[in-house]
Amino acid sequence: MRVRSWMATLALIGGSTLLIGRGLSAQGTGETAPSKPKASVKGAEKPPTAPERRPRDDSVTPKTVGAKLPKVHLRLAIAGLGTEGCDVEIKPANRSVKFRPAPIVHVKSDGHATIELRDIELRGADKTCLLAITVRQSGQEPQTIYRGFMASATTAGASTPDFNCFINSRLADTSGSRTTVRK
């Protein structure tokens, strides 16, 4: 009996090997067409080569998403200033706006000032210019107020667009000096 089981095992292994071998060879190497007969040396064809690569053209640049504004006139109107006025500092509020911070400007007690911002680069797709306006008054903590505007196609094409900014300096007073009178 032992001989028969060994013989059956060998037959089973041999048959499965043949079936697996034929299945793999049926898949082939990926060639579907029969190979061409070799040509003689005189009429030998060149083997196919890779297509030529064109050199990169550096003059073509991708489209920029944002816009550039050469100048913007920021007209500040600050309500609630004391007799001494305040100092105003303007910086970009986020990374989608790039310009050099304007120098610190002293605003008189009337609260009106015009500040010129130069070379503003709007990097975002929405073309929004966000500004961080820091107001420093004597006797109070500095207050940072965020304002912004959207540059439209007409704004970006204009030579000097104007942006009116209205600020109430007393709204952000956190010193507690304001008292409420109730009747």
N, C-alpha and C. Protein backbone atom coordinates (compact mmCIF):
# COMPACT_ATOMS: atom_id res chain seq x y z
N MET A 1 0.81 -1.19 0.00
CA MET A 1 0.00 0.00 0.00
C MET A 1 0.86 1.26 0.00
N ARG A 2 1.96 1.13 0.68
CA ARG A 2 2.81 2.31 0.76
C ARG A 2 3.32 2.69 -0.62
N VAL A 3 3.62 1.76 -1.43
CA VAL A 3 4.15 2.04 -2.76
C VAL A 3 3.10 2.74 -3.59
N ARG A 4 1.87 2.29 -3.49
CA ARG A 4 0.81 2.92 -4.27
C ARG A 4 0.60 4.38 -3.83
N SER A 5 0.65 4.67 -2.53
CA SER A 5 0.44 6.05 -2.08
C SER A 5 1.59 6.96 -2.53
N TRP A 6 2.81 6.44 -2.55
CA TRP A 6 3.94 7.24 -3.04
C TRP A 6 3.80 7.51 -4.52
N MET A 7 3.36 6.51 -5.24
CA MET A 7 3.20 6.67 -6.69
C MET A 7 2.07 7.66 -6.99
N ALA A 8 1.01 7.61 -6.21
CA ALA A 8 -0.09 8.54 -6.41
C ALA A 8 0.35 9.97 -6.08
N THR A 9 1.14 10.11 -5.05
CA THR A 9 1.64 11.42 -4.66
C THR A 9 2.54 12.00 -5.74
N LEU A 10 3.43 11.18 -6.29
CA LEU A 10 4.31 11.64 -7.36
C LEU A 10 3.52 12.02 -8.61
N ALA A 11 2.52 11.25 -8.92
CA ALA A 11 1.69 11.55 -10.10
C ALA A 11 0.94 12.86 -9.90
N LEU A 12 0.46 13.06 -8.70
CA LEU A 12 -0.26 14.29 -8.40
C LEU A 12 0.66 15.50 -8.48
N ILE A 13 1.84 15.41 -7.96
CA ILE A 13 2.81 16.52 -8.00
C ILE A 13 3.24 16.78 -9.44
N GLY A 14 3.52 15.76 -10.18
CA GLY A 14 3.94 15.92 -11.58
C GLY A 14 2.84 16.54 -12.42
N GLY A 15 1.59 16.09 -12.22
CA GLY A 15 0.47 16.66 -12.99
C GLY A 15 0.24 18.13 -12.67
N SER A 16 0.31 18.46 -11.39
CA SER A 16 0.10 19.86 -11.02
C SER A 16 1.23 20.74 -11.53
N THR A 17 2.43 20.22 -11.56
CA THR A 17 3.56 20.99 -12.09
C THR A 17 3.36 21.27 -13.56
N LEU A 18 2.90 20.27 -14.29
CA LEU A 18 2.65 20.46 -15.72
C LEU A 18 1.54 21.48 -15.96
N LEU A 19 0.48 21.41 -15.17
CA LEU A 19 -0.63 22.35 -15.35
C LEU A 19 -0.21 23.78 -15.02
N ILE A 20 0.53 23.93 -13.96
CA ILE A 20 0.99 25.27 -13.58
C ILE A 20 1.97 25.81 -14.61
N GLY A 21 2.86 24.95 -15.09
CA GLY A 21 3.84 25.36 -16.12
C GLY A 21 3.15 25.79 -17.40
N ARG A 22 2.14 25.08 -17.82
CA ARG A 22 1.42 25.46 -19.03
C ARG A 22 0.62 26.74 -18.84
N GLY A 23 0.07 26.95 -17.66
CA GLY A 23 -0.69 28.16 -17.39
C GLY A 23 0.20 29.40 -17.44
N LEU A 24 1.41 29.28 -16.90
CA LEU A 24 2.33 30.41 -16.93
C LEU A 24 2.82 30.69 -18.33
N SER A 25 3.08 29.64 -19.10
CA SER A 25 3.57 29.88 -20.46
C SER A 25 2.46 30.41 -21.35
N ALA A 26 1.21 30.13 -21.01
CA ALA A 26 0.11 30.66 -21.80
C ALA A 26 0.00 32.18 -21.63
N GLN A 27 0.42 32.68 -20.47
CA GLN A 27 0.39 34.12 -20.28
C GLN A 27 1.44 34.80 -21.14
N GLY A 28 2.52 34.17 -21.38
CA GLY A 28 3.54 34.68 -22.29
C GLY A 28 4.34 35.82 -21.69
N THR A 29 5.15 36.42 -22.57
CA THR A 29 6.02 37.51 -22.14
C THR A 29 5.43 38.86 -22.48
N GLY A 30 4.25 38.92 -22.99
CA GLY A 30 3.62 40.18 -23.31
C GLY A 30 3.65 40.49 -24.79
N GLU A 31 4.36 39.69 -25.60
CA GLU A 31 4.40 39.92 -27.03
C GLU A 31 3.14 39.31 -27.65
N THR A 32 2.44 40.10 -28.43
CA THR A 32 1.24 39.59 -29.07
C THR A 32 1.47 39.27 -30.53
N ALA A 33 2.39 40.01 -31.16
CA ALA A 33 2.65 39.77 -32.58
C ALA A 33 3.87 38.88 -32.71
N PRO A 34 3.91 38.03 -33.72
CA PRO A 34 5.10 37.20 -33.91
C PRO A 34 6.28 38.09 -34.29
N SER A 35 7.43 37.67 -33.87
CA SER A 35 8.63 38.48 -34.15
C SER A 35 8.95 38.43 -35.63
N LYS A 36 9.54 39.55 -36.13
CA LYS A 36 9.87 39.66 -37.55
C LYS A 36 11.15 38.87 -37.81
N PRO A 37 11.24 38.33 -39.00
CA PRO A 37 12.49 37.67 -39.33
C PRO A 37 13.60 38.71 -39.46
N LYS A 38 14.80 38.30 -39.13
CA LYS A 38 15.92 39.23 -39.18
C LYS A 38 16.23 39.58 -40.62
N ALA A 39 16.51 40.86 -40.84
CA ALA A 39 16.84 41.32 -42.18
C ALA A 39 18.32 41.12 -42.42
N SER A 40 18.67 41.16 -43.66
CA SER A 40 20.08 41.02 -44.00
C SER A 40 20.83 42.26 -43.55
N VAL A 41 22.13 42.20 -43.56
CA VAL A 41 22.96 43.28 -43.07
C VAL A 41 22.79 44.52 -43.94
N LYS A 42 22.62 44.36 -45.23
CA LYS A 42 22.49 45.51 -46.12
C LYS A 42 21.21 46.29 -45.82
N GLY A 43 20.13 45.65 -45.62
CA GLY A 43 18.86 46.33 -45.41
C GLY A 43 18.45 46.39 -43.96
N ALA A 44 19.43 46.37 -43.08
CA ALA A 44 19.11 46.37 -41.64
C ALA A 44 18.49 47.69 -41.24
N GLU A 45 17.44 47.59 -40.46
CA GLU A 45 16.77 48.78 -39.98
C GLU A 45 17.31 49.16 -38.60
N LYS A 46 17.23 50.45 -38.32
CA LYS A 46 17.69 50.92 -37.02
C LYS A 46 16.65 50.54 -35.96
N PRO A 47 17.10 50.19 -34.79
CA PRO A 47 16.12 49.90 -33.74
C PRO A 47 15.42 51.20 -33.34
N PRO A 48 14.18 51.07 -32.90
CA PRO A 48 13.45 52.30 -32.52
C PRO A 48 14.13 52.95 -31.31
N THR A 49 14.17 54.27 -31.35
CA THR A 49 14.79 55.03 -30.26
C THR A 49 13.71 55.83 -29.54
N ALA A 50 14.06 56.31 -28.40
CA ALA A 50 13.12 57.11 -27.61
C ALA A 50 12.88 58.44 -28.33
N PRO A 51 11.68 59.00 -28.20
CA PRO A 51 11.43 60.29 -28.85
C PRO A 51 12.32 61.38 -28.26
N GLU A 52 12.65 62.34 -29.09
CA GLU A 52 13.52 63.41 -28.65
C GLU A 52 12.81 64.29 -27.65
N ARG A 53 13.56 64.71 -26.65
CA ARG A 53 12.99 65.60 -25.63
C ARG A 53 13.27 67.03 -26.04
N ARG A 54 12.25 67.84 -25.94
CA ARG A 54 12.43 69.25 -26.24
C ARG A 54 13.04 69.94 -25.03
N PRO A 55 13.92 70.91 -25.26
CA PRO A 55 14.49 71.63 -24.12
C PRO A 55 13.41 72.45 -23.43
N ARG A 56 13.58 72.62 -22.14
CA ARG A 56 12.59 73.36 -21.34
C ARG A 56 12.66 74.84 -21.70
N ASP A 57 11.51 75.42 -21.92
CA ASP A 57 11.43 76.83 -22.26
C ASP A 57 11.18 77.60 -20.98
N ASP A 58 12.22 78.33 -20.51
CA ASP A 58 12.09 79.08 -19.26
C ASP A 58 11.32 80.38 -19.43
N SER A 59 11.09 80.78 -20.67
CA SER A 59 10.35 82.02 -20.86
C SER A 59 8.87 81.86 -20.54
N VAL A 60 8.38 80.63 -20.56
CA VAL A 60 6.98 80.38 -20.24
C VAL A 60 6.88 80.16 -18.74
N THR A 61 6.17 81.04 -18.07
CA THR A 61 6.02 80.92 -16.62
C THR A 61 4.58 80.58 -16.31
N PRO A 62 4.35 79.86 -15.22
CA PRO A 62 2.96 79.56 -14.86
C PRO A 62 2.23 80.83 -14.47
N LYS A 63 0.92 80.81 -14.63
CA LYS A 63 0.12 81.98 -14.29
C LYS A 63 0.16 82.22 -12.79
N THR A 64 0.30 83.48 -12.43
CA THR A 64 0.25 83.80 -11.01
C THR A 64 -1.20 83.90 -10.58
N VAL A 65 -1.44 83.48 -9.39
CA VAL A 65 -2.81 83.44 -8.90
C VAL A 65 -3.29 84.83 -8.50
N GLY A 66 -2.46 85.58 -7.82
CA GLY A 66 -2.87 86.85 -7.26
C GLY A 66 -2.69 88.01 -8.21
N ALA A 67 -2.55 89.20 -7.61
CA ALA A 67 -2.38 90.42 -8.37
C ALA A 67 -1.38 91.30 -7.65
N LYS A 68 -0.89 92.30 -8.37
CA LYS A 68 0.02 93.26 -7.76
C LYS A 68 -0.59 94.64 -7.86
N LEU A 69 -0.51 95.36 -6.76
CA LEU A 69 -1.00 96.73 -6.71
C LEU A 69 0.21 97.62 -6.48
N PRO A 70 0.49 98.57 -7.37
CA PRO A 70 1.67 99.42 -7.16
C PRO A 70 1.53 100.33 -5.95
N LYS A 71 0.35 100.93 -5.78
CA LYS A 71 0.11 101.82 -4.64
C LYS A 71 -1.33 101.67 -4.18
N VAL A 72 -1.53 101.86 -2.89
CA VAL A 72 -2.88 101.93 -2.31
C VAL A 72 -2.87 103.07 -1.30
N HIS A 73 -3.84 103.95 -1.42
CA HIS A 73 -3.98 105.03 -0.45
C HIS A 73 -4.97 104.58 0.61
N LEU A 74 -4.49 104.44 1.83
CA LEU A 74 -5.32 104.03 2.96
C LEU A 74 -5.74 105.29 3.70
N ARG A 75 -7.02 105.58 3.68
CA ARG A 75 -7.55 106.76 4.36
C ARG A 75 -8.13 106.33 5.70
N LEU A 76 -7.46 106.71 6.76
CA LEU A 76 -7.89 106.34 8.11
C LEU A 76 -8.78 107.42 8.70
N ALA A 77 -9.82 107.00 9.35
CA ALA A 77 -10.68 107.88 10.14
C ALA A 77 -10.87 107.20 11.48
N ILE A 78 -10.19 107.71 12.51
CA ILE A 78 -10.22 107.10 13.84
C ILE A 78 -11.04 107.98 14.76
N ALA A 79 -12.11 107.44 15.29
CA ALA A 79 -12.98 108.18 16.20
C ALA A 79 -12.58 107.89 17.64
N GLY A 80 -12.78 108.85 18.50
CA GLY A 80 -12.56 108.65 19.93
C GLY A 80 -11.13 108.87 20.38
N LEU A 81 -10.35 109.66 19.65
CA LEU A 81 -8.97 109.93 20.07
C LEU A 81 -8.93 111.05 21.10
N GLY A 82 -7.91 110.99 21.92
CA GLY A 82 -7.70 112.06 22.89
C GLY A 82 -7.01 113.25 22.22
N THR A 83 -6.61 114.21 23.02
CA THR A 83 -5.98 115.43 22.49
C THR A 83 -4.59 115.16 21.94
N GLU A 84 -3.95 114.11 22.40
CA GLU A 84 -2.60 113.80 21.95
C GLU A 84 -2.58 113.02 20.64
N GLY A 85 -3.68 112.45 20.24
CA GLY A 85 -3.71 111.64 19.03
C GLY A 85 -3.20 110.23 19.29
N CYS A 86 -2.68 109.57 18.27
CA CYS A 86 -2.18 108.21 18.44
C CYS A 86 -1.13 107.91 17.37
N ASP A 87 -0.42 106.82 17.57
CA ASP A 87 0.52 106.31 16.56
C ASP A 87 -0.10 105.09 15.90
N VAL A 88 0.05 104.97 14.58
CA VAL A 88 -0.56 103.88 13.82
C VAL A 88 0.54 103.13 13.07
N GLU A 89 0.50 101.82 13.19
CA GLU A 89 1.43 100.96 12.47
C GLU A 89 0.61 99.98 11.63
N ILE A 90 0.99 99.80 10.36
CA ILE A 90 0.23 98.94 9.45
C ILE A 90 1.16 97.85 8.91
N LYS A 91 0.70 96.60 9.06
CA LYS A 91 1.45 95.43 8.59
C LYS A 91 0.50 94.50 7.84
N PRO A 92 1.05 93.55 7.06
CA PRO A 92 0.18 92.51 6.46
C PRO A 92 -0.42 91.64 7.55
N ALA A 93 -1.69 91.26 7.38
CA ALA A 93 -2.37 90.48 8.42
C ALA A 93 -2.20 88.99 8.25
N ASN A 94 -1.90 88.51 7.04
CA ASN A 94 -1.69 87.07 6.84
C ASN A 94 -0.69 86.87 5.71
N ARG A 95 -0.44 85.60 5.38
CA ARG A 95 0.59 85.28 4.38
C ARG A 95 0.16 85.51 2.94
N SER A 96 -1.11 85.72 2.71
CA SER A 96 -1.55 85.92 1.33
C SER A 96 -1.35 87.36 0.87
N VAL A 97 -0.87 88.23 1.76
CA VAL A 97 -0.57 89.61 1.41
C VAL A 97 0.90 89.87 1.71
N LYS A 98 1.57 90.52 0.76
CA LYS A 98 2.98 90.81 0.99
C LYS A 98 3.25 92.26 0.61
N PHE A 99 3.76 93.03 1.56
CA PHE A 99 4.24 94.38 1.32
C PHE A 99 5.13 94.78 2.49
N ARG A 100 5.94 95.78 2.27
CA ARG A 100 6.77 96.27 3.36
C ARG A 100 5.90 97.05 4.33
N PRO A 101 6.06 96.81 5.62
CA PRO A 101 5.24 97.56 6.58
C PRO A 101 5.47 99.06 6.44
N ALA A 102 4.39 99.81 6.52
CA ALA A 102 4.50 101.26 6.44
C ALA A 102 5.16 101.79 7.70
N PRO A 103 5.88 102.90 7.60
CA PRO A 103 6.47 103.46 8.82
C PRO A 103 5.37 103.91 9.77
N ILE A 104 5.70 103.99 11.05
CA ILE A 104 4.73 104.40 12.06
C ILE A 104 4.35 105.86 11.81
N VAL A 105 3.05 106.10 11.77
CA VAL A 105 2.51 107.43 11.45
C VAL A 105 1.79 107.97 12.69
N HIS A 106 2.02 109.24 12.99
CA HIS A 106 1.29 109.86 14.10
C HIS A 106 0.03 110.50 13.54
N VAL A 107 -1.11 110.14 14.11
CA VAL A 107 -2.39 110.70 13.70
C VAL A 107 -2.79 111.73 14.75
N LYS A 108 -3.17 112.92 14.27
CA LYS A 108 -3.55 114.01 15.18
C LYS A 108 -4.90 113.71 15.83
N SER A 109 -5.31 114.60 16.71
CA SER A 109 -6.53 114.38 17.47
C SER A 109 -7.79 114.37 16.61
N ASP A 110 -7.74 114.96 15.41
CA ASP A 110 -8.92 114.92 14.53
C ASP A 110 -9.19 113.52 13.98
N GLY A 111 -8.16 112.65 13.99
CA GLY A 111 -8.33 111.24 13.62
C GLY A 111 -8.24 110.94 12.14
N HIS A 112 -7.86 111.90 11.31
CA HIS A 112 -7.78 111.65 9.87
C HIS A 112 -6.33 111.59 9.41
N ALA A 113 -6.02 110.57 8.63
CA ALA A 113 -4.68 110.42 8.06
C ALA A 113 -4.78 109.61 6.77
N THR A 114 -3.86 109.87 5.85
CA THR A 114 -3.77 109.09 4.62
C THR A 114 -2.38 108.47 4.58
N ILE A 115 -2.36 107.15 4.43
CA ILE A 115 -1.10 106.41 4.40
C ILE A 115 -1.00 105.71 3.05
N GLU A 116 0.16 105.82 2.43
CA GLU A 116 0.37 105.19 1.13
C GLU A 116 1.13 103.88 1.32
N LEU A 117 0.53 102.80 0.86
CA LEU A 117 1.18 101.48 0.89
C LEU A 117 1.67 101.18 -0.52
N ARG A 118 2.90 100.70 -0.63
CA ARG A 118 3.50 100.47 -1.95
C ARG A 118 3.79 98.98 -2.18
N ASP A 119 3.74 98.63 -3.46
CA ASP A 119 4.11 97.29 -3.93
C ASP A 119 3.42 96.18 -3.15
N ILE A 120 2.13 96.19 -3.18
CA ILE A 120 1.35 95.16 -2.50
C ILE A 120 1.19 93.98 -3.44
N GLU A 121 1.55 92.81 -2.97
CA GLU A 121 1.40 91.58 -3.75
C GLU A 121 0.33 90.72 -3.08
N LEU A 122 -0.74 90.48 -3.81
CA LEU A 122 -1.83 89.64 -3.31
C LEU A 122 -1.62 88.24 -3.84
N ARG A 123 -1.31 87.30 -2.97
CA ARG A 123 -0.97 85.94 -3.37
C ARG A 123 -2.15 85.00 -3.44
N GLY A 124 -3.24 85.33 -2.80
CA GLY A 124 -4.40 84.44 -2.75
C GLY A 124 -5.24 84.54 -4.01
N ALA A 125 -6.01 83.50 -4.24
CA ALA A 125 -6.89 83.47 -5.41
C ALA A 125 -8.05 84.44 -5.27
N ASP A 126 -8.44 84.75 -4.04
CA ASP A 126 -9.58 85.65 -3.84
C ASP A 126 -9.19 87.12 -3.91
N LYS A 127 -7.89 87.44 -4.03
CA LYS A 127 -7.36 88.81 -4.17
C LYS A 127 -7.82 89.71 -3.03
N THR A 128 -7.73 89.20 -1.82
CA THR A 128 -8.11 89.96 -0.63
C THR A 128 -6.86 90.51 0.04
N CYS A 129 -6.88 91.79 0.35
CA CYS A 129 -5.78 92.44 1.04
C CYS A 129 -6.19 92.66 2.49
N LEU A 130 -5.58 91.92 3.41
CA LEU A 130 -5.89 92.05 4.84
C LEU A 130 -4.77 92.81 5.53
N LEU A 131 -5.16 93.80 6.33
CA LEU A 131 -4.21 94.65 7.02
C LEU A 131 -4.38 94.52 8.52
N ALA A 132 -3.26 94.55 9.24
CA ALA A 132 -3.27 94.59 10.70
C ALA A 132 -2.88 96.01 11.09
N ILE A 133 -3.82 96.76 11.62
CA ILE A 133 -3.61 98.16 11.99
C ILE A 133 -3.48 98.22 13.51
N THR A 134 -2.30 98.60 13.98
CA THR A 134 -2.06 98.69 15.42
C THR A 134 -2.11 100.16 15.83
N VAL A 135 -3.01 100.48 16.75
CA VAL A 135 -3.21 101.84 17.24
C VAL A 135 -2.62 101.91 18.64
N ARG A 136 -1.70 102.87 18.84
CA ARG A 136 -1.06 103.06 20.15
C ARG A 136 -1.42 104.45 20.67
N GLN A 137 -2.16 104.50 21.78
CA GLN A 137 -2.51 105.76 22.44
C GLN A 137 -1.81 105.80 23.78
N SER A 138 -1.52 106.99 24.22
CA SER A 138 -0.86 107.11 25.52
C SER A 138 -1.86 106.73 26.62
N GLY A 139 -1.39 105.96 27.57
CA GLY A 139 -2.24 105.53 28.68
C GLY A 139 -3.08 104.30 28.39
N GLN A 140 -2.99 103.74 27.20
CA GLN A 140 -3.76 102.54 26.85
C GLN A 140 -2.84 101.50 26.23
N GLU A 141 -3.29 100.26 26.26
CA GLU A 141 -2.54 99.20 25.61
C GLU A 141 -2.70 99.30 24.10
N PRO A 142 -1.72 98.83 23.34
CA PRO A 142 -1.87 98.86 21.88
C PRO A 142 -3.04 97.98 21.44
N GLN A 143 -3.79 98.46 20.46
CA GLN A 143 -4.95 97.75 19.94
C GLN A 143 -4.66 97.38 18.48
N THR A 144 -4.84 96.11 18.13
CA THR A 144 -4.67 95.68 16.75
C THR A 144 -6.03 95.41 16.16
N ILE A 145 -6.32 96.08 15.06
CA ILE A 145 -7.61 95.98 14.39
C ILE A 145 -7.34 95.46 12.99
N TYR A 146 -8.11 94.49 12.56
CA TYR A 146 -7.93 93.88 11.24
C TYR A 146 -8.98 94.42 10.27
N ARG A 147 -8.52 94.90 9.15
CA ARG A 147 -9.40 95.39 8.09
C ARG A 147 -8.88 94.83 6.76
N GLY A 148 -9.78 94.77 5.80
CA GLY A 148 -9.38 94.25 4.50
C GLY A 148 -10.26 94.74 3.39
N PHE A 149 -9.77 94.56 2.19
CA PHE A 149 -10.56 94.89 1.00
C PHE A 149 -10.21 93.90 -0.09
N MET A 150 -11.10 93.80 -1.06
CA MET A 150 -10.90 92.90 -2.18
C MET A 150 -10.49 93.71 -3.40
N ALA A 151 -9.45 93.27 -4.07
CA ALA A 151 -8.99 93.95 -5.28
C ALA A 151 -9.72 93.35 -6.47
N SER A 152 -10.57 94.14 -7.08
CA SER A 152 -11.28 93.66 -8.27
C SER A 152 -10.42 93.92 -9.49
N ALA A 153 -10.91 93.55 -10.66
CA ALA A 153 -10.15 93.75 -11.89
C ALA A 153 -9.93 95.24 -12.13
N THR A 154 -10.92 96.07 -11.80
CA THR A 154 -10.75 97.51 -11.99
C THR A 154 -9.80 98.09 -10.95
N THR A 155 -9.80 97.54 -9.73
CA THR A 155 -8.89 98.02 -8.70
C THR A 155 -7.46 97.69 -9.04
N ALA A 156 -7.23 96.47 -9.54
CA ALA A 156 -5.87 96.05 -9.87
C ALA A 156 -5.33 96.84 -11.05
N GLY A 157 -6.20 97.26 -11.95
CA GLY A 157 -5.75 98.01 -13.11
C GLY A 157 -5.61 99.50 -12.84
N ALA A 158 -6.24 100.01 -11.78
CA ALA A 158 -6.18 101.43 -11.48
C ALA A 158 -4.79 101.80 -10.98
N SER A 159 -4.45 103.06 -11.15
CA SER A 159 -3.10 103.48 -10.75
C SER A 159 -2.96 103.52 -9.23
N THR A 160 -3.90 104.16 -8.54
CA THR A 160 -3.84 104.23 -7.08
C THR A 160 -5.24 104.07 -6.50
N PRO A 161 -5.63 102.85 -6.17
CA PRO A 161 -6.94 102.67 -5.54
C PRO A 161 -6.93 103.22 -4.12
N ASP A 162 -8.10 103.66 -3.67
CA ASP A 162 -8.25 104.18 -2.32
C ASP A 162 -9.03 103.19 -1.48
N PHE A 163 -8.66 103.12 -0.20
CA PHE A 163 -9.36 102.26 0.75
C PHE A 163 -9.67 103.08 1.98
N ASN A 164 -10.94 103.28 2.25
CA ASN A 164 -11.37 104.03 3.43
C ASN A 164 -11.52 103.07 4.60
N CYS A 165 -10.92 103.42 5.72
CA CYS A 165 -10.95 102.56 6.90
C CYS A 165 -11.41 103.38 8.10
N PHE A 166 -12.50 102.94 8.71
CA PHE A 166 -13.08 103.63 9.86
C PHE A 166 -12.85 102.79 11.10
N ILE A 167 -12.29 103.43 12.14
CA ILE A 167 -11.95 102.72 13.37
C ILE A 167 -12.47 103.54 14.55
N ASN A 168 -13.03 102.85 15.53
CA ASN A 168 -13.42 103.48 16.78
C ASN A 168 -12.43 103.04 17.83
N SER A 169 -11.62 103.95 18.31
CA SER A 169 -10.56 103.58 19.24
C SER A 169 -11.08 103.24 20.63
N ARG A 170 -12.29 103.61 20.97
CA ARG A 170 -12.83 103.35 22.31
C ARG A 170 -13.47 101.97 22.44
N LEU A 171 -13.79 101.32 21.35
CA LEU A 171 -14.46 100.01 21.43
C LEU A 171 -13.55 98.95 22.02
N ALA A 172 -12.28 99.03 21.73
CA ALA A 172 -11.37 97.99 22.19
C ALA A 172 -10.65 98.38 23.48
N ASP A 173 -11.14 99.37 24.19
CA ASP A 173 -10.52 99.82 25.43
C ASP A 173 -10.76 98.77 26.52
N THR A 174 -9.69 98.10 26.93
CA THR A 174 -9.82 97.03 27.93
C THR A 174 -9.28 97.45 29.29
N SER A 175 -8.93 98.71 29.43
CA SER A 175 -8.32 99.14 30.70
C SER A 175 -9.35 99.24 31.81
N GLY A 176 -10.63 99.29 31.49
CA GLY A 176 -11.67 99.37 32.52
C GLY A 176 -11.94 100.79 32.97
N SER A 177 -11.36 101.78 32.30
CA SER A 177 -11.56 103.17 32.71
C SER A 177 -12.92 103.71 32.29
N ARG A 178 -13.56 103.06 31.35
CA ARG A 178 -14.88 103.50 30.93
C ARG A 178 -15.91 103.08 31.97
N THR A 179 -16.75 103.98 32.30
CA THR A 179 -17.81 103.67 33.25
C THR A 179 -19.15 103.85 32.56
N THR A 180 -20.09 103.04 32.96
CA THR A 180 -21.42 103.14 32.38
C THR A 180 -22.34 103.80 33.39
N VAL A 181 -23.04 104.84 32.94
CA VAL A 181 -23.96 105.55 33.81
C VAL A 181 -25.36 105.06 33.50
N ARG A 182 -26.04 104.53 34.52
CA ARG A 182 -27.41 104.04 34.33
C ARG A 182 -28.36 104.90 35.16
N LYS A 183 -29.51 105.15 34.63
CA LYS A 183 -30.52 105.94 35.35
C LYS A 183 -31.69 105.11 35.71
